[in-house]
PDB file of N, CA and C in Angstrom:
ATOM      1  N   UNK A   1      83.616 131.150 133.502  1.00  0.00           N
ATOM      2  CA  UNK A   1      82.903 132.151 134.170  1.00  0.00           C
ATOM      3  C   UNK A   1      83.081 133.465 133.283  1.00  0.00           C
ATOM      4  N   UNK A   2      82.010 134.143 133.133  1.00  0.00           N
ATOM      5  CA  UNK A   2      82.059 134.958 132.183  1.00  0.00           C
ATOM      6  C   UNK A   2      82.505 136.481 132.756  1.00  0.00           C
ATOM      7  N   UNK A   3      83.970 136.934 132.716  1.00  0.00           N
ATOM      8  CA  UNK A   3      84.723 137.749 133.731  1.00  0.00           C
ATOM      9  C   UNK A   3      85.415 138.789 132.621  1.00  0.00           C
ATOM     10  N   UNK A   4      84.949 139.976 132.738  1.00  0.00           N
ATOM     11  CA  UNK A   4      85.956 141.047 131.734  1.00  0.00           C
ATOM     12  C   UNK A   4      87.039 141.808 132.595  1.00  0.00           C
ATOM     13  N   UNK A   5      86.944 141.830 133.810  1.00  0.00           N
ATOM     14  CA  UNK A   5      88.049 142.337 134.701  1.00  0.00           C
ATOM     15  C   UNK A   5      87.799 141.841 136.098  1.00  0.00           C
ATOM     16  N   UNK A   6      88.995 142.009 136.581  1.00  0.00           N
ATOM     17  CA  UNK A   6      89.091 141.853 138.192  1.00  0.00           C
ATOM     18  C   UNK A   6      89.842 140.383 138.422  1.00  0.00           C
ATOM     19  N   UNK A   7      90.549 140.619 139.642  1.00  0.00           N
ATOM     20  CA  UNK A   7      91.187 139.293 140.334  1.00  0.00           C
ATOM     21  C   UNK A   7      90.875 138.673 141.196  1.00  0.00           C
ATOM     22  N   UNK A   8      90.702 137.385 141.659  1.00  0.00           N
ATOM     23  CA  UNK A   8      90.163 136.756 142.588  1.00  0.00           C
ATOM     24  C   UNK A   8      91.849 135.921 143.055  1.00  0.00           C
ATOM     25  N   UNK A   9      91.922 136.065 144.146  1.00  0.00           N
ATOM     26  CA  UNK A   9      93.221 135.465 144.761  1.00  0.00           C
ATOM     27  C   UNK A   9      93.018 134.710 146.063  1.00  0.00           C
ATOM     28  N   UNK A  10      93.685 133.086 146.177  1.00  0.00           N
ATOM     29  CA  UNK A  10      93.728 132.584 147.232  1.00  0.00           C
ATOM     30  C   UNK A  10      94.982 132.389 147.944  1.00  0.00           C
ATOM     31  N   UNK A  11      95.092 132.314 149.253  1.00  0.00           N
ATOM     32  CA  UNK A  11      96.599 132.329 149.782  1.00  0.00           C
ATOM     33  C   UNK A  11      96.314 131.103 150.972  1.00  0.00           C
ATOM     34  N   UNK A  12      97.274 130.137 150.914  1.00  0.00           N
ATOM     35  CA  UNK A  12      97.206 129.293 151.913  1.00  0.00           C
ATOM     36  C   UNK A  12      98.287 129.539 152.818  1.00  0.00           C
ATOM     37  N   UNK A  13      98.309 129.600 154.154  1.00  0.00           N
ATOM     38  CA  UNK A  13      99.089 129.978 155.172  1.00  0.00           C
ATOM     39  C   UNK A  13      98.971 128.851 156.375  1.00  0.00           C
ATOM     40  N   UNK A  14     100.250 128.578 156.762  1.00  0.00           N
ATOM     41  CA  UNK A  14     100.442 127.802 158.079  1.00  0.00           C
ATOM     42  C   UNK A  14     100.501 128.622 159.173  1.00  0.00           C
ATOM     43  N   UNK A  15      99.474 128.679 159.935  1.00  0.00           N
ATOM     44  CA  UNK A  15      99.686 129.528 161.153  1.00  0.00           C
ATOM     45  C   UNK A  15     100.553 128.841 161.945  1.00  0.00           C
ATOM     46  N   UNK A  16     101.236 129.424 163.160  1.00  0.00           N
ATOM     47  CA  UNK A  16     102.169 128.960 164.099  1.00  0.00           C
ATOM     48  C   UNK A  16     101.215 128.021 165.262  1.00  0.00           C
ATOM     49  N   UNK A  17     100.100 128.899 165.389  1.00  0.00           N
ATOM     50  CA  UNK A  17      99.380 128.573 166.526  1.00  0.00           C
ATOM     51  C   UNK A  17      98.460 127.243 165.806  1.00  0.00           C
ATOM     52  N   UNK A  18      98.355 126.292 166.635  1.00  0.00           N
ATOM     53  CA  UNK A  18      97.569 125.244 166.392  1.00  0.00           C
ATOM     54  C   UNK A  18      96.220 125.248 166.551  1.00  0.00           C
ATOM     55  N   UNK A  19      95.476 124.720 165.804  1.00  0.00           N
ATOM     56  CA  UNK A  19      93.848 124.640 166.073  1.00  0.00           C
ATOM     57  C   UNK A  19      93.226 123.444 165.831  1.00  0.00           C
ATOM     58  N   UNK A  20      93.273 122.425 166.833  1.00  0.00           N
ATOM     59  CA  UNK A  20      92.604 120.933 166.388  1.00  0.00           C
ATOM     60  C   UNK A  20      91.313 120.734 167.186  1.00  0.00           C
ATOM     61  N   UNK A  21      91.078 121.800 168.016  1.00  0.00           N
ATOM     62  CA  UNK A  21      89.737 121.678 168.613  1.00  0.00           C
ATOM     63  C   UNK A  21      88.888 122.975 168.131  1.00  0.00           C
ATOM     64  N   UNK A  22      87.665 122.925 168.339  1.00  0.00           N
ATOM     65  CA  UNK A  22      87.014 124.094 168.017  1.00  0.00           C
ATOM     66  C   UNK A  22      87.214 125.039 168.869  1.00  0.00           C
ATOM     67  N   UNK A  23      87.474 125.040 170.192  1.00  0.00           N
ATOM     68  CA  UNK A  23      87.920 126.191 171.282  1.00  0.00           C
ATOM     69  C   UNK A  23      89.156 126.900 170.503  1.00  0.00           C
ATOM     70  N   UNK A  24      90.096 126.125 170.290  1.00  0.00           N
ATOM     71  CA  UNK A  24      91.305 126.177 169.367  1.00  0.00           C
ATOM     72  C   UNK A  24      91.097 127.285 168.301  1.00  0.00           C
ATOM     73  N   UNK A  25      90.385 126.718 167.459  1.00  0.00           N
ATOM     74  CA  UNK A  25      89.927 127.433 166.141  1.00  0.00           C
ATOM     75  C   UNK A  25      89.212 128.943 166.665  1.00  0.00           C
ATOM     76  N   UNK A  26      88.231 128.869 167.415  1.00  0.00           N
ATOM     77  CA  UNK A  26      87.469 130.157 167.655  1.00  0.00           C
ATOM     78  C   UNK A  26      88.797 131.142 168.402  1.00  0.00           C
ATOM     79  N   UNK A  27      89.651 130.730 169.464  1.00  0.00           N
ATOM     80  CA  UNK A  27      90.521 131.732 169.700  1.00  0.00           C
ATOM     81  C   UNK A  27      91.420 131.964 168.576  1.00  0.00           C
ATOM     82  N   UNK A  28      92.019 131.256 167.729  1.00  0.00           N
ATOM     83  CA  UNK A  28      92.665 131.551 166.724  1.00  0.00           C
ATOM     84  C   UNK A  28      91.984 132.606 165.886  1.00  0.00           C
ATOM     85  N   UNK A  29      90.894 132.156 165.556  1.00  0.00           N
ATOM     86  CA  UNK A  29      89.835 133.028 164.615  1.00  0.00           C
ATOM     87  C   UNK A  29      89.903 134.522 165.258  1.00  0.00           C
ATOM     88  N   UNK A  30      89.555 134.690 166.514  1.00  0.00           N
ATOM     89  CA  UNK A  30      89.614 136.073 167.004  1.00  0.00           C
ATOM     90  C   UNK A  30      90.872 137.007 167.049  1.00  0.00           C
ATOM     91  N   UNK A  31      91.799 136.126 167.053  1.00  0.00           N
ATOM     92  CA  UNK A  31      92.999 136.628 166.878  1.00  0.00           C
ATOM     93  C   UNK A  31      93.385 136.981 165.874  1.00  0.00           C
ATOM     94  N   UNK A  32      93.059 136.411 164.888  1.00  0.00           N
ATOM     95  CA  UNK A  32      93.664 136.750 163.306  1.00  0.00           C
ATOM     96  C   UNK A  32      92.266 137.791 163.071  1.00  0.00           C
ATOM     97  N   UNK A  33      91.069 138.188 163.203  1.00  0.00           N
ATOM     98  CA  UNK A  33      90.493 139.066 163.040  1.00  0.00           C
ATOM     99  C   UNK A  33      90.776 140.180 163.740  1.00  0.00           C
ATOM    100  N   UNK A  34      91.305 140.496 164.970  1.00  0.00           N
ATOM    101  CA  UNK A  34      92.114 141.685 165.644  1.00  0.00           C
ATOM    102  C   UNK A  34      92.967 142.039 164.966  1.00  0.00           C
ATOM    103  N   UNK A  35      94.128 141.195 164.493  1.00  0.00           N
ATOM    104  CA  UNK A  35      95.102 141.521 163.620  1.00  0.00           C
ATOM    105  C   UNK A  35      94.953 142.056 162.228  1.00  0.00           C
ATOM    106  N   UNK A  36      93.745 141.845 161.703  1.00  0.00           N
ATOM    107  CA  UNK A  36      93.600 142.185 160.515  1.00  0.00           C
ATOM    108  C   UNK A  36      92.703 143.374 160.363  1.00  0.00           C
ATOM    109  N   UNK A  37      91.737 143.722 161.523  1.00  0.00           N
ATOM    110  CA  UNK A  37      91.197 144.841 161.940  1.00  0.00           C
ATOM    111  C   UNK A  37      92.043 145.852 162.266  1.00  0.00           C
ATOM    112  N   UNK A  38      93.160 145.519 163.145  1.00  0.00           N
ATOM    113  CA  UNK A  38      94.320 146.643 163.589  1.00  0.00           C
ATOM    114  C   UNK A  38      94.955 146.902 162.211  1.00  0.00           C
ATOM    115  N   UNK A  39      95.185 145.935 161.227  1.00  0.00           N
ATOM    116  CA  UNK A  39      96.219 146.292 160.248  1.00  0.00           C
ATOM    117  C   UNK A  39      95.651 147.238 159.530  1.00  0.00           C
ATOM    118  N   UNK A  40      94.328 146.969 158.889  1.00  0.00           N
ATOM    119  CA  UNK A  40      93.646 147.762 157.826  1.00  0.00           C
ATOM    120  C   UNK A  40      92.500 148.854 158.524  1.00  0.00           C
ATOM    121  N   UNK A  41      92.747 149.266 159.831  1.00  0.00           N
ATOM    122  CA  UNK A  41      91.722 150.251 160.365  1.00  0.00           C
ATOM    123  C   UNK A  41      91.727 151.371 159.507  1.00  0.00           C
ATOM    124  N   UNK A  42      93.006 151.744 159.239  1.00  0.00           N
ATOM    125  CA  UNK A  42      93.018 153.206 158.458  1.00  0.00           C
ATOM    126  C   UNK A  42      93.090 153.034 156.975  1.00  0.00           C
ATOM    127  N   UNK A  43      92.868 152.133 156.502  1.00  0.00           N
ATOM    128  CA  UNK A  43      93.010 152.057 154.806  1.00  0.00           C
ATOM    129  C   UNK A  43      91.573 152.350 154.146  1.00  0.00           C
ATOM    130  N   UNK A  44      91.441 152.946 153.641  1.00  0.00           N
ATOM    131  CA  UNK A  44      90.146 153.680 152.997  1.00  0.00           C
ATOM    132  C   UNK A  44      89.974 152.625 151.951  1.00  0.00           C
ATOM    133  N   UNK A  45      90.529 151.515 151.249  1.00  0.00           N
ATOM    134  CA  UNK A  45      90.118 150.846 150.059  1.00  0.00           C
ATOM    135  C   UNK A  45      89.964 149.488 150.486  1.00  0.00           C
ATOM    136  N   UNK A  46      90.234 148.972 151.476  1.00  0.00           N
ATOM    137  CA  UNK A  46      90.318 147.592 152.055  1.00  0.00           C
ATOM    138  C   UNK A  46      89.143 147.667 153.139  1.00  0.00           C
ATOM    139  N   UNK A  47      88.310 146.546 152.439  1.00  0.00           N
ATOM    140  CA  UNK A  47      86.980 145.999 153.245  1.00  0.00           C
ATOM    141  C   UNK A  47      87.315 144.570 153.656  1.00  0.00           C
ATOM    142  N   UNK A  48      87.283 144.479 154.843  1.00  0.00           N
ATOM    143  CA  UNK A  48      87.318 143.008 155.631  1.00  0.00           C
ATOM    144  C   UNK A  48      86.013 142.773 155.287  1.00  0.00           C
ATOM    145  N   UNK A  49      85.815 141.400 154.900  1.00  0.00           N
ATOM    146  CA  UNK A  49      84.090 140.642 154.863  1.00  0.00           C
ATOM    147  C   UNK A  49      83.754 140.268 155.986  1.00  0.00           C
ATOM    148  N   UNK A  50      82.745 140.066 156.167  1.00  0.00           N
ATOM    149  CA  UNK A  50      81.901 139.410 157.181  1.00  0.00           C
ATOM    150  C   UNK A  50      82.142 138.049 157.095  1.00  0.00           C
ATOM    151  N   UNK A  51      82.253 137.112 158.194  1.00  0.00           N
ATOM    152  CA  UNK A  51      82.674 135.683 158.058  1.00  0.00           C
ATOM    153  C   UNK A  51      81.757 134.826 157.249  1.00  0.00           C
ATOM    154  N   UNK A  52      80.539 135.479 156.926  1.00  0.00           N
ATOM    155  CA  UNK A  52      79.744 134.590 156.143  1.00  0.00           C
ATOM    156  C   UNK A  52      79.809 135.044 154.546  1.00  0.00           C
ATOM    157  N   UNK A  53      80.791 136.027 154.223  1.00  0.00           N
ATOM    158  CA  UNK A  53      80.833 136.459 152.945  1.00  0.00           C
ATOM    159  C   UNK A  53      82.051 135.665 152.452  1.00  0.00           C
ATOM    160  N   UNK A  54      82.267 136.051 150.973  1.00  0.00           N
ATOM    161  CA  UNK A  54      83.470 135.641 150.261  1.00  0.00           C
ATOM    162  C   UNK A  54      83.669 136.951 149.407  1.00  0.00           C
ATOM    163  N   UNK A  55      85.100 136.929 148.831  1.00  0.00           N
ATOM    164  CA  UNK A  55      85.173 137.857 147.950  1.00  0.00           C
ATOM    165  C   UNK A  55      84.547 137.531 146.557  1.00  0.00           C
ATOM    166  N   UNK A  56      84.026 138.681 146.010  1.00  0.00           N
ATOM    167  CA  UNK A  56      83.856 138.322 144.473  1.00  0.00           C
ATOM    168  C   UNK A  56      83.904 139.508 143.342  1.00  0.00           C
ATOM    169  N   UNK A  57      84.806 139.214 142.282  1.00  0.00           N
ATOM    170  CA  UNK A  57      84.802 140.470 141.299  1.00  0.00           C
ATOM    171  C   UNK A  57      83.745 141.396 141.094  1.00  0.00           C
ATOM    172  N   UNK A  58      82.465 140.830 141.174  1.00  0.00           N
ATOM    173  CA  UNK A  58      81.234 141.670 140.894  1.00  0.00           C
ATOM    174  C   UNK A  58      81.097 142.824 141.855  1.00  0.00           C
ATOM    175  N   UNK A  59      81.659 142.357 143.027  1.00  0.00           N
ATOM    176  CA  UNK A  59      81.590 143.460 143.790  1.00  0.00           C
ATOM    177  C   UNK A  59      82.759 144.907 144.344  1.00  0.00           C
ATOM    178  N   UNK A  60      83.597 144.357 143.321  1.00  0.00           N
ATOM    179  CA  UNK A  60      84.881 145.468 143.140  1.00  0.00           C
ATOM    180  C   UNK A  60      84.991 146.063 141.996  1.00  0.00           C
ATOM    181  N   UNK A  61      84.203 145.358 140.699  1.00  0.00           N
ATOM    182  CA  UNK A  61      84.211 146.128 139.556  1.00  0.00           C
ATOM    183  C   UNK A  61      84.162 147.673 139.337  1.00  0.00           C
ATOM    184  N   UNK A  62      84.898 148.445 138.726  1.00  0.00           N
ATOM    185  CA  UNK A  62      85.003 150.016 138.817  1.00  0.00           C
ATOM    186  C   UNK A  62      85.104 150.440 139.922  1.00  0.00           C
ATOM    187  N   UNK A  63      86.055 149.648 140.774  1.00  0.00           N
ATOM    188  CA  UNK A  63      86.234 150.213 142.231  1.00  0.00           C
ATOM    189  C   UNK A  63      87.892 150.262 142.382  1.00  0.00           C
ATOM    190  N   UNK A  64      88.295 150.961 143.537  1.00  0.00           N
ATOM    191  CA  UNK A  64      89.535 150.854 143.759  1.00  0.00           C
ATOM    192  C   UNK A  64      89.377 150.041 145.041  1.00  0.00           C
ATOM    193  N   UNK A  65      88.722 149.306 145.489  1.00  0.00           N
ATOM    194  CA  UNK A  65      88.377 148.716 146.713  1.00  0.00           C
ATOM    195  C   UNK A  65      89.301 146.947 146.514  1.00  0.00           C
ATOM    196  N   UNK A  66      89.809 146.465 147.820  1.00  0.00           N
ATOM    197  CA  UNK A  66      90.270 145.419 147.739  1.00  0.00           C
ATOM    198  C   UNK A  66      88.962 144.905 148.673  1.00  0.00           C
ATOM    199  N   UNK A  67      88.371 143.480 148.645  1.00  0.00           N
ATOM    200  CA  UNK A  67      87.538 142.914 149.462  1.00  0.00           C
ATOM    201  C   UNK A  67      88.558 141.495 150.012  1.00  0.00           C
ATOM    202  N   UNK A  68      88.661 141.408 150.911  1.00  0.00           N
ATOM    203  CA  UNK A  68      89.339 140.348 152.006  1.00  0.00           C
ATOM    204  C   UNK A  68      88.512 139.555 153.047  1.00  0.00           C
ATOM    205  N   UNK A  69      88.606 138.465 152.855  1.00  0.00           N
ATOM    206  CA  UNK A  69      88.072 137.594 153.658  1.00  0.00           C
ATOM    207  C   UNK A  69      88.913 136.155 154.302  1.00  0.00           C
ATOM    208  N   UNK A  70      88.754 135.227 155.016  1.00  0.00           N
ATOM    209  CA  UNK A  70      89.874 134.430 155.283  1.00  0.00           C
ATOM    210  C   UNK A  70      88.841 133.231 156.185  1.00  0.00           C
ATOM    211  N   UNK A  71      89.403 132.143 156.169  1.00  0.00           N
ATOM    212  CA  UNK A  71      88.800 130.855 156.990  1.00  0.00           C
ATOM    213  C   UNK A  71      89.928 130.278 157.438  1.00  0.00           C
ATOM    214  N   UNK A  72      89.667 129.560 158.358  1.00  0.00           N
ATOM    215  CA  UNK A  72      90.487 128.578 159.057  1.00  0.00           C
ATOM    216  C   UNK A  72      89.896 127.122 158.459  1.00  0.00           C
ATOM    217  N   UNK A  73      90.892 126.393 158.067  1.00  0.00           N
ATOM    218  CA  UNK A  73      90.537 124.721 157.777  1.00  0.00           C
ATOM    219  C   UNK A  73      91.011 124.003 158.841  1.00  0.00           C
ATOM    220  N   UNK A  74      90.308 123.294 159.829  1.00  0.00           N
ATOM    221  CA  UNK A  74      90.802 122.719 160.892  1.00  0.00           C
ATOM    222  C   UNK A  74      91.551 121.320 160.568  1.00  0.00           C
ATOM    223  N   UNK A  75      91.069 120.654 159.452  1.00  0.00           N
ATOM    224  CA  UNK A  75      91.572 119.358 158.485  1.00  0.00           C
ATOM    225  C   UNK A  75      92.864 119.698 157.924  1.00  0.00           C
ATOM    226  N   UNK A  76      93.260 120.912 157.499  1.00  0.00           N
ATOM    227  CA  UNK A  76      94.633 120.962 157.043  1.00  0.00           C
ATOM    228  C   UNK A  76      95.389 121.739 157.654  1.00  0.00           C
ATOM    229  N   UNK A  77      94.988 122.503 158.672  1.00  0.00           N
ATOM    230  CA  UNK A  77      95.814 123.273 159.670  1.00  0.00           C
ATOM    231  C   UNK A  77      95.920 124.480 158.847  1.00  0.00           C
ATOM    232  N   UNK A  78      95.282 125.065 158.119  1.00  0.00           N
ATOM    233  CA  UNK A  78      95.626 126.268 157.300  1.00  0.00           C
ATOM    234  C   UNK A  78      94.943 127.487 157.340  1.00  0.00           C
ATOM    235  N   UNK A  79      95.522 128.489 157.401  1.00  0.00           N
ATOM    236  CA  UNK A  79      94.316 129.664 157.044  1.00  0.00           C
ATOM    237  C   UNK A  79      94.659 129.746 155.778  1.00  0.00           C
ATOM    238  N   UNK A  80      93.180 130.340 155.015  1.00  0.00           N
ATOM    239  CA  UNK A  80      92.991 130.629 153.864  1.00  0.00           C
ATOM    240  C   UNK A  80      92.601 131.980 153.552  1.00  0.00           C
ATOM    241  N   UNK A  81      93.414 132.979 152.949  1.00  0.00           N
ATOM    242  CA  UNK A  81      93.051 134.061 152.674  1.00  0.00           C
ATOM    243  C   UNK A  81      92.376 134.029 151.531  1.00  0.00           C
ATOM    244  N   UNK A  82      91.296 135.024 151.216  1.00  0.00           N
ATOM    245  CA  UNK A  82      90.960 135.080 149.662  1.00  0.00           C
ATOM    246  C   UNK A  82      90.506 136.889 149.431  1.00  0.00           C
ATOM    247  N   UNK A  83      90.869 137.203 148.131  1.00  0.00           N
ATOM    248  CA  UNK A  83      90.868 138.502 148.022  1.00  0.00           C
ATOM    249  C   UNK A  83      90.220 138.953 146.718  1.00  0.00           C
ATOM    250  N   UNK A  84      89.619 139.954 146.409  1.00  0.00           N
ATOM    251  CA  UNK A  84      89.167 140.377 144.752  1.00  0.00           C
ATOM    252  C   UNK A  84      89.646 141.835 144.857  1.00  0.00           C
ATOM    253  N   UNK A  85      90.133 142.232 143.548  1.00  0.00           N
ATOM    254  CA  UNK A  85      90.106 143.384 143.365  1.00  0.00           C
ATOM    255  C   UNK A  85      89.736 143.866 141.592  1.00  0.00           C
ATOM    256  N   UNK A  86      89.796 144.706 141.356  1.00  0.00           N
ATOM    257  CA  UNK A  86      89.535 145.084 139.798  1.00  0.00           C
ATOM    258  C   UNK A  86      90.953 145.325 139.517  1.00  0.00           C
ATOM    259  N   UNK A  87      91.263 144.813 138.450  1.00  0.00           N
ATOM    260  CA  UNK A  87      92.859 145.068 138.183  1.00  0.00           C
ATOM    261  C   UNK A  87      92.978 146.652 137.241  1.00  0.00           C
ATOM    262  N   UNK A  88      92.180 146.647 136.551  1.00  0.00           N
ATOM    263  CA  UNK A  88      92.144 147.861 135.955  1.00  0.00           C
ATOM    264  C   UNK A  88      91.834 149.051 136.687  1.00  0.00           C
ATOM    265  N   UNK A  89      91.367 149.480 137.731  1.00  0.00           N
ATOM    266  CA  UNK A  89      91.519 150.586 138.813  1.00  0.00           C
ATOM    267  C   UNK A  89      92.296 150.215 139.622  1.00  0.00           C
ATOM    268  N   UNK A  90      91.998 149.208 140.586  1.00  0.00           N
ATOM    269  CA  UNK A  90      92.985 149.080 141.684  1.00  0.00           C
ATOM    270  C   UNK A  90      94.557 148.677 141.175  1.00  0.00           C
ATOM    271  N   UNK A  91      94.619 148.078 140.280  1.00  0.00           N
ATOM    272  CA  UNK A  91      96.055 147.660 139.601  1.00  0.00           C
ATOM    273  C   UNK A  91      96.690 148.593 138.798  1.00  0.00           C
ATOM    274  N   UNK A  92      95.947 149.723 138.089  1.00  0.00           N
ATOM    275  CA  UNK A  92      96.740 150.627 137.449  1.00  0.00           C
ATOM    276  C   UNK A  92      96.139 152.073 137.557  1.00  0.00           C
ATOM    277  N   UNK A  93      95.409 152.131 137.032  1.00  0.00           N
ATOM    278  CA  UNK A  93      94.542 153.805 137.005  1.00  0.00           C
ATOM    279  C   UNK A  93      94.179 154.467 138.668  1.00  0.00           C
ATOM    280  N   UNK A  94      93.605 153.341 139.124  1.00  0.00           N
ATOM    281  CA  UNK A  94      93.391 154.023 140.634  1.00  0.00           C
ATOM    282  C   UNK A  94      94.825 154.109 141.278  1.00  0.00           C
ATOM    283  N   UNK A  95      95.640 153.124 140.991  1.00  0.00           N
ATOM    284  CA  UNK A  95      96.827 153.364 141.972  1.00  0.00           C
ATOM    285  C   UNK A  95      97.630 154.686 141.294  1.00  0.00           C
ATOM    286  N   UNK A  96      97.640 155.285 140.391  1.00  0.00           N
ATOM    287  CA  UNK A  96      98.102 156.150 140.008  1.00  0.00           C
ATOM    288  C   UNK A  96      97.539 157.520 140.688  1.00  0.00           C
ATOM    289  N   UNK A  97      95.978 157.495 140.430  1.00  0.00           N
ATOM    290  CA  UNK A  97      95.280 158.484 141.094  1.00  0.00           C
ATOM    291  C   UNK A  97      95.664 158.719 142.589  1.00  0.00           C
ATOM    292  N   UNK A  98      95.717 157.394 143.343  1.00  0.00           N
ATOM    293  CA  UNK A  98      95.838 157.637 144.875  1.00  0.00           C
ATOM    294  C   UNK A  98      97.278 157.945 145.071  1.00  0.00           C
ATOM    295  N   UNK A  99      98.411 157.554 144.051  1.00  0.00           N
ATOM    296  CA  UNK A  99      99.666 158.327 144.704  1.00  0.00           C
ATOM    297  C   UNK A  99      99.680 159.632 144.676  1.00  0.00           C
ATOM    298  N   UNK A 100      98.931 159.960 143.298  1.00  0.00           N
ATOM    299  CA  UNK A 100      99.166 161.498 142.812  1.00  0.00           C
ATOM    300  C   UNK A 100      98.792 162.181 143.988  1.00  0.00           C
ATOM    301  N   UNK A 101      97.224 161.902 144.961  1.00  0.00           N
ATOM    302  CA  UNK A 101      97.006 162.305 145.688  1.00  0.00           C
ATOM    303  C   UNK A 101      97.705 162.715 147.151  1.00  0.00           C
ATOM    304  N   UNK A 102      98.430 161.617 147.372  1.00  0.00           N
ATOM    305  CA  UNK A 102      99.362 161.333 148.411  1.00  0.00           C
ATOM    306  C   UNK A 102     100.124 162.559 148.055  1.00  0.00           C
ATOM    307  N   UNK A 103     101.004 162.307 146.938  1.00  0.00           N
ATOM    308  CA  UNK A 103     102.175 163.034 146.626  1.00  0.00           C
ATOM    309  C   UNK A 103     101.962 164.660 146.538  1.00  0.00           C
ATOM    310  N   UNK A 104     100.583 165.130 146.319  1.00  0.00           N
ATOM    311  CA  UNK A 104     100.202 166.412 146.153  1.00  0.00           C
ATOM    312  C   UNK A 104      99.690 167.221 147.674  1.00  0.00           C
ATOM    313  N   UNK A 105      99.537 166.117 148.530  1.00  0.00           N
ATOM    314  CA  UNK A 105      98.771 166.447 149.675  1.00  0.00           C
ATOM    315  C   UNK A 105      97.230 166.744 150.030  1.00  0.00           C
ATOM    316  N   UNK A 106      96.706 165.837 148.930  1.00  0.00           N
ATOM    317  CA  UNK A 106      95.380 165.889 148.842  1.00  0.00           C
ATOM    318  C   UNK A 106      94.730 164.661 149.670  1.00  0.00           C
ATOM    319  N   UNK A 107      93.567 164.399 149.702  1.00  0.00           N
ATOM    320  CA  UNK A 107      93.060 163.509 150.564  1.00  0.00           C
ATOM    321  C   UNK A 107      93.082 162.299 149.435  1.00  0.00           C
ATOM    322  N   UNK A 108      93.618 161.390 150.185  1.00  0.00           N
ATOM    323  CA  UNK A 108      93.898 159.905 149.507  1.00  0.00           C
ATOM    324  C   UNK A 108      92.920 159.436 148.491  1.00  0.00           C
ATOM    325  N   UNK A 109      91.472 159.497 148.725  1.00  0.00           N
ATOM    326  CA  UNK A 109      90.350 159.029 148.364  1.00  0.00           C
ATOM    327  C   UNK A 109      89.914 160.100 147.112  1.00  0.00           C
ATOM    328  N   UNK A 110      90.421 161.502 147.006  1.00  0.00           N
ATOM    329  CA  UNK A 110      89.551 162.230 145.986  1.00  0.00           C
ATOM    330  C   UNK A 110      89.840 161.595 144.791  1.00  0.00           C
ATOM    331  N   UNK A 111      88.616 161.236 144.145  1.00  0.00           N
ATOM    332  CA  UNK A 111      88.488 161.067 142.742  1.00  0.00           C
ATOM    333  C   UNK A 111      88.337 159.604 142.846  1.00  0.00           C
ATOM    334  N   UNK A 112      88.371 158.761 143.938  1.00  0.00           N
ATOM    335  CA  UNK A 112      88.276 157.435 143.733  1.00  0.00           C
ATOM    336  C   UNK A 112      87.033 156.791 144.232  1.00  0.00           C
ATOM    337  N   UNK A 113      86.301 157.597 145.112  1.00  0.00           N
ATOM    338  CA  UNK A 113      85.226 157.118 145.831  1.00  0.00           C
ATOM    339  C   UNK A 113      83.986 157.682 145.032  1.00  0.00           C
TER     340      UNK A 113
END
């Protein structure tokens, strides 16, 4: 893979809710969607991707965004979380600018969008 920057992550989680049928999977999926939307509703730099999309470093290059997607795997009973960031912006420089903005009472996104 020709990549000069960016980090892709994959986390495998074991939800306490079981989902062995399609209806159980759909119910848990809705619950997860609502939880993520509530958790990140006010976060300027977190983008929850549509169910059809997967994170890709090319979509976050030179940005302070974190792209986040998830899937349920009924076969293994796992919740799979996937994310992408540009480690040079989100991981270093962007973090410094964002922290400075917050400390000085500026808009958190100033200079980053």
